[in-house]
Protein backbone atom coordinates (compact mmCIF):
# COMPACT_ATOMS: atom_id res chain seq x y z
CA MET A 1 29.80 -29.73 26.12
CA GLN A 2 25.97 -30.54 25.97
CA ALA A 3 25.43 -26.95 26.42
CA LEU A 4 27.97 -26.22 23.57
CA ARG A 5 26.93 -28.16 21.27
CA TYR A 6 23.15 -26.90 21.58
CA GLY A 7 24.20 -23.26 21.37
CA GLY A 8 25.83 -23.61 18.44
CA LEU A 9 23.40 -25.41 16.89
CA LEU A 10 20.76 -22.41 18.39
CA ALA A 11 23.08 -19.63 16.87
CA TRP A 12 23.36 -22.06 13.40
CA CYS A 13 19.14 -21.33 13.65
CA ALA A 14 19.39 -17.92 14.62
CA LEU A 15 21.06 -17.33 11.89
CA THR A 16 19.55 -19.22 8.97
CA VAL A 17 16.25 -18.02 9.93
CA LEU A 18 17.75 -14.40 10.07
CA ALA A 19 19.11 -14.97 6.54
CA ALA A 20 16.31 -16.66 5.27
CA SER A 21 13.56 -14.04 6.27
CA ALA A 22 15.37 -11.53 4.53
CA TRP A 23 16.26 -12.93 1.91
CA PHE A 24 12.74 -13.71 1.51
CA VAL A 25 11.42 -10.10 1.59
CA THR A 26 14.82 -9.22 -1.15
CA GLY A 27 13.29 -12.63 -3.54
CA THR A 28 10.07 -10.86 -3.48
CA ARG A 29 10.19 -7.26 -4.31
CA VAL A 30 12.41 -8.19 -6.82
CA SER A 31 10.28 -10.09 -8.37
CA ALA A 32 7.45 -7.49 -7.58
CA ARG A 33 8.96 -4.70 -9.53
CA LEU A 34 10.41 -6.94 -12.49
CA GLY A 35 6.67 -7.32 -12.92
CA PHE A 36 5.84 -11.18 -11.29
CA ASP A 37 3.55 -9.77 -9.15
CA ALA A 38 1.95 -13.33 -8.89
CA ALA A 39 4.37 -15.10 -8.85
CA ALA A 40 6.84 -12.52 -6.16
CA PRO A 41 6.05 -14.89 -3.23
CA GLY A 42 6.78 -18.03 -4.65
CA ILE A 43 10.23 -16.88 -5.85
CA GLY A 44 11.18 -15.28 -2.76
CA LEU A 45 10.54 -18.97 -1.28
CA ILE A 46 12.57 -20.69 -3.50
CA VAL A 47 15.87 -18.02 -2.96
CA ALA A 48 14.59 -18.01 1.18
CA VAL A 49 14.67 -22.45 1.16
CA ALA A 50 18.10 -22.02 -1.28
CA VAL A 51 19.24 -20.08 1.48
CA ALA A 52 18.68 -21.74 4.32
CA PHE A 53 20.30 -24.79 2.55
CA THR A 54 23.02 -23.21 1.58
CA ILE A 55 23.42 -21.60 5.67
CA TRP A 56 22.52 -25.30 6.54
CA ARG A 57 25.60 -27.24 4.68
CA TRP A 58 27.91 -24.74 5.72
CA GLY A 59 27.44 -26.18 9.06
CA ARG A 60 27.04 -29.48 8.50
CA ALA A 61 30.76 -28.90 6.31
CA ASP A 62 32.47 -26.91 9.37
CA ARG A 63 30.72 -29.89 11.82
CA ASP A 64 32.26 -32.56 9.51
CA ALA A 65 35.68 -31.16 9.64
CA GLY A 66 35.89 -30.22 13.28
CA ALA A 67 34.58 -34.09 14.38
CA LEU A 68 37.87 -35.65 11.23
CA ASP A 69 40.19 -32.80 13.47
CA ARG A 70 39.15 -34.58 16.76
CA GLY A 71 39.34 -38.10 14.82
CA ALA A 72 35.90 -38.57 16.08
CA CYS A 73 33.20 -39.77 13.50
CA PRO A 74 30.63 -37.08 12.49
CA ARG A 75 28.09 -40.03 12.82
CA CYS A 76 28.49 -41.41 15.88
CA SER A 77 31.25 -39.75 17.64
CA SER A 78 33.29 -43.06 17.15
CA PRO A 79 37.13 -42.88 16.96
CA LEU A 80 38.32 -43.06 13.28
CA THR A 81 40.99 -45.20 11.72
CA SER A 82 43.22 -43.59 9.24
CA ARG A 83 45.10 -44.07 6.59
CA HIS A 84 47.52 -41.64 4.42
CA GLU A 85 48.21 -43.26 0.58
CA HIS A 86 51.30 -41.07 -0.60
CA ALA A 87 51.26 -40.46 -4.72
CA LEU A 88 53.65 -42.32 -5.80
CA PRO A 89 56.46 -40.92 -8.56
CA GLY A 90 55.33 -40.89 -12.43
CA VAL A 91 51.91 -40.78 -11.12
CA ARG A 92 49.66 -37.77 -12.48
CA SER A 93 47.60 -38.31 -8.79
CA GLU A 94 47.60 -36.95 -6.00
CA GLY A 95 48.13 -38.79 -2.33
CA GLN A 96 45.12 -39.79 -0.38
CA ILE A 97 43.88 -40.17 2.84
CA GLU A 98 41.22 -42.05 4.00
CA TRP A 99 38.90 -42.21 6.84
CA ARG A 100 36.96 -44.97 8.52
CA CYS A 101 34.62 -45.53 10.97
CA PRO A 102 33.79 -49.44 12.59
CA ALA A 103 31.44 -48.61 14.53
CA CYS A 104 28.88 -47.16 11.70
CA ALA A 105 30.50 -47.78 8.40
CA PHE A 106 31.46 -43.92 7.76
CA GLU A 107 33.90 -43.75 5.02
CA ARG A 108 35.62 -40.34 3.85
CA ILE A 109 38.09 -40.23 0.84
CA GLU A 110 39.78 -36.88 0.12
CA PRO A 111 42.74 -35.88 -1.76
CA LEU A 112 46.57 -34.97 -0.21
CA THR A 113 49.63 -33.83 -0.27
CA CYS A 114 52.19 -34.09 1.84
CA GLU A 115 55.47 -33.46 1.61
CA ARG A 116 56.51 -37.02 0.98
CA CYS A 117 54.35 -37.36 -1.53
CA ALA A 118 56.24 -37.78 -5.09
CA THR A 119 55.47 -34.47 -7.21
């Protein structure tokens, strides 16, 4: 299980480095062609950091969603308690689902509509 986790982490790191490098080159060249020769490496670096951050957030969101689907805390892997509140008739709000971890105080609340929720 640990090897699978490190393999997934290695894949995300490789993707991040590859994409950030490609966007660094692209940002630098586009900036240079637009006449910003002195600022081109800085602009390329800003673009590369933005791409790396975006890919990191995607990976983090995927990992969190997988942990919530398994009923495990994304932070500490302890079992989560969940609670679903149904939408009330006549109220213009959706139902919601709440996950809590008693071990590390993780908490997430998301809107959710099910068949039993009023519309």
